[in-house]
Protein backbone atom coordinates (compact mmCIF):
# COMPACT_ATOMS: atom_id res chain seq x y z
CA UNK A 1 65.60 272.12 -58.46
CA UNK A 2 65.37 273.02 -54.78
CA UNK A 3 64.20 269.24 -54.37
CA UNK A 4 67.86 268.06 -54.99
CA UNK A 5 68.84 270.33 -52.32
CA UNK A 6 66.17 269.19 -49.76
CA UNK A 7 66.75 265.69 -50.54
CA UNK A 8 70.77 266.21 -50.28
CA UNK A 9 70.24 267.59 -46.87
CA UNK A 10 68.09 265.05 -45.46
CA UNK A 11 70.45 262.23 -46.61
CA UNK A 12 73.41 264.20 -45.18
CA UNK A 13 71.10 264.48 -41.73
CA UNK A 14 70.50 260.67 -41.82
CA UNK A 15 74.18 259.84 -42.85
CA UNK A 16 75.49 261.71 -39.67
CA UNK A 17 72.86 260.64 -37.38
CA UNK A 18 73.48 256.80 -38.29
CA UNK A 19 77.14 256.94 -38.27
CA UNK A 20 78.01 259.54 -35.56
CA UNK A 21 75.05 259.02 -33.23
CA UNK A 22 74.81 255.09 -33.67
CA UNK A 23 77.72 253.20 -35.27
CA UNK A 24 80.21 255.08 -33.67
CA UNK A 25 79.51 253.59 -30.22
CA UNK A 26 77.28 250.48 -31.27
CA UNK A 27 80.12 248.78 -32.88
CA UNK A 28 82.44 248.52 -29.57
CA UNK A 29 79.47 246.37 -28.43
CA UNK A 30 79.27 243.80 -31.03
CA UNK A 31 81.07 240.37 -29.96
CA UNK A 32 84.37 239.98 -31.05
CA UNK A 33 85.20 243.53 -31.62
CA UNK A 34 88.03 244.87 -29.40
CA UNK A 35 89.37 248.42 -29.01
CA UNK A 36 91.78 247.84 -31.69
CA UNK A 37 89.36 246.41 -34.06
CA UNK A 38 86.78 249.04 -33.36
CA UNK A 39 89.02 251.98 -33.96
CA UNK A 40 90.10 250.68 -37.29
CA UNK A 41 86.19 250.12 -38.62
CA UNK A 42 85.64 253.51 -37.15
CA UNK A 43 88.28 255.12 -39.01
CA UNK A 44 87.40 253.77 -42.30
CA UNK A 45 83.74 254.55 -41.37
CA UNK A 46 84.32 258.07 -40.86
CA UNK A 47 86.73 258.69 -43.74
CA UNK A 48 83.36 257.39 -46.11
CA UNK A 49 81.14 259.63 -44.11
CA UNK A 50 83.59 262.49 -44.72
CA UNK A 51 83.38 261.87 -48.33
CA UNK A 52 79.86 261.52 -48.65
CA UNK A 53 79.38 264.63 -46.64
CA UNK A 54 81.63 266.69 -48.80
CA UNK A 55 79.62 265.19 -51.95
CA UNK A 56 76.31 266.17 -50.54
CA UNK A 57 77.53 269.62 -49.37
CA UNK A 58 78.76 270.38 -53.03
CA UNK A 59 75.25 269.11 -54.49
CA UNK A 60 73.70 271.40 -51.87
CA UNK A 61 75.58 274.55 -53.02
CA UNK A 62 75.77 273.87 -56.83
CA UNK A 63 71.75 273.57 -56.49
CA UNK A 64 71.72 276.82 -54.21
CA UNK A 65 74.17 278.78 -56.80
CA UNK A 66 71.89 277.70 -59.48
CA UNK A 67 68.93 279.40 -57.89
CA UNK A 68 71.17 282.19 -56.49
CA UNK A 69 68.26 284.92 -57.38
CA UNK A 70 65.74 282.80 -55.11
CA UNK A 71 67.70 282.38 -52.00
CA UNK A 72 67.56 285.36 -49.56
CA UNK A 73 70.90 286.71 -48.58
CA UNK A 74 70.55 285.69 -44.86
CA UNK A 75 70.26 282.13 -45.78
CA UNK A 76 73.55 281.96 -47.00
CA UNK A 77 74.67 282.57 -43.48
CA UNK A 78 72.70 279.87 -42.36
CA UNK A 79 74.35 277.52 -45.10
CA UNK A 80 77.69 278.25 -44.51
CA UNK A 81 77.49 276.64 -41.05
CA UNK A 82 77.47 273.11 -41.68
CA UNK A 83 79.93 273.55 -44.43
CA UNK A 84 82.08 275.53 -41.98
CA UNK A 85 81.76 272.77 -39.41
CA UNK A 86 82.40 270.09 -41.98
CA UNK A 87 85.77 271.84 -43.10
CA UNK A 88 86.93 272.25 -39.50
CA UNK A 89 86.04 268.66 -38.93
CA UNK A 90 87.79 267.54 -41.92
CA UNK A 91 90.97 269.81 -41.48
CA UNK A 92 91.42 269.49 -37.70
CA UNK A 93 89.25 266.96 -35.69
CA UNK A 94 89.43 264.01 -37.84
CA UNK A 95 93.12 264.12 -38.24
CA UNK A 96 93.54 264.61 -34.59
CA UNK A 97 91.40 261.66 -33.73
CA UNK A 98 93.05 259.67 -36.48
CA UNK A 99 96.48 260.18 -34.69
CA UNK A 100 94.75 259.17 -31.39
CA UNK A 101 93.30 256.16 -32.92
CA UNK A 102 96.66 255.07 -34.69
CA UNK A 103 98.37 255.37 -31.34
CA UNK A 104 95.82 253.23 -29.67
CA UNK A 105 95.90 250.76 -32.24
CA UNK A 106 99.43 250.25 -31.96
CA UNK A 107 99.28 249.65 -28.12
CA UNK A 108 100.69 253.50 -27.22
CA UNK A 109 99.34 255.34 -24.19
CA UNK A 110 97.72 258.35 -25.02
CA UNK A 111 96.57 261.04 -22.76
CA UNK A 112 92.85 262.04 -22.40
CA UNK A 113 91.20 264.36 -24.81
CA UNK A 114 88.01 266.04 -25.00
CA UNK A 115 87.95 266.15 -28.96
CA UNK A 116 85.47 263.69 -29.13
CA UNK A 117 83.28 265.97 -27.23
CA UNK A 118 83.65 268.58 -29.51
CA UNK A 119 83.31 266.46 -32.50
CA UNK A 120 79.67 265.13 -31.13
CA UNK A 121 78.78 268.91 -30.57
CA UNK A 122 79.61 269.85 -34.00
CA UNK A 123 77.67 267.15 -35.18
CA UNK A 124 74.61 268.16 -33.16
CA UNK A 125 75.26 271.71 -34.56
CA UNK A 126 75.21 270.42 -38.05
CA UNK A 127 72.40 268.41 -37.61
CA UNK A 128 70.24 271.06 -36.45
CA UNK A 129 71.29 273.60 -38.80
CA UNK A 130 70.72 271.13 -41.68
CA UNK A 131 67.18 270.56 -40.54
CA UNK A 132 66.74 274.19 -40.22
CA UNK A 133 68.25 274.73 -44.00
CA UNK A 134 65.73 272.05 -45.06
CA UNK A 135 63.01 273.43 -43.35
CA UNK A 136 63.49 276.75 -44.97
CA UNK A 137 64.06 275.09 -48.42
CA UNK A 138 60.52 273.48 -48.46
CA UNK A 139 59.23 277.40 -48.17
CA UNK A 140 61.26 277.86 -51.89
CA UNK A 141 58.94 275.13 -53.46
């Protein structure tokens, strides 16, 4: 059953890396994609990514809870990090970024924001933490 958690973690890492670190900026380099189209695509893709991440986080937690007696206490502290980051992104960062994108799509001027930098930093921390969780879970097999 731990294998399911490991698979979920590495799929989660793959999605975050592919979307946040590649798709997010590459789409603006495609021919015919202007700022408004790119932002519209981004909103759609990041909404889908967020749903996939929550699904994978749920699978991870269910598997770990079913194997509660085998999971060391310290490990829960590590597992909560990407889930907390995902919660913070879902509750605060993504809604703010959505408002910014909507304003730009509508042609409104927006003030400069460093929210994207925080989002990327959170994604980096999430990926490193998930890789660490995956590494430790391999020891449980």
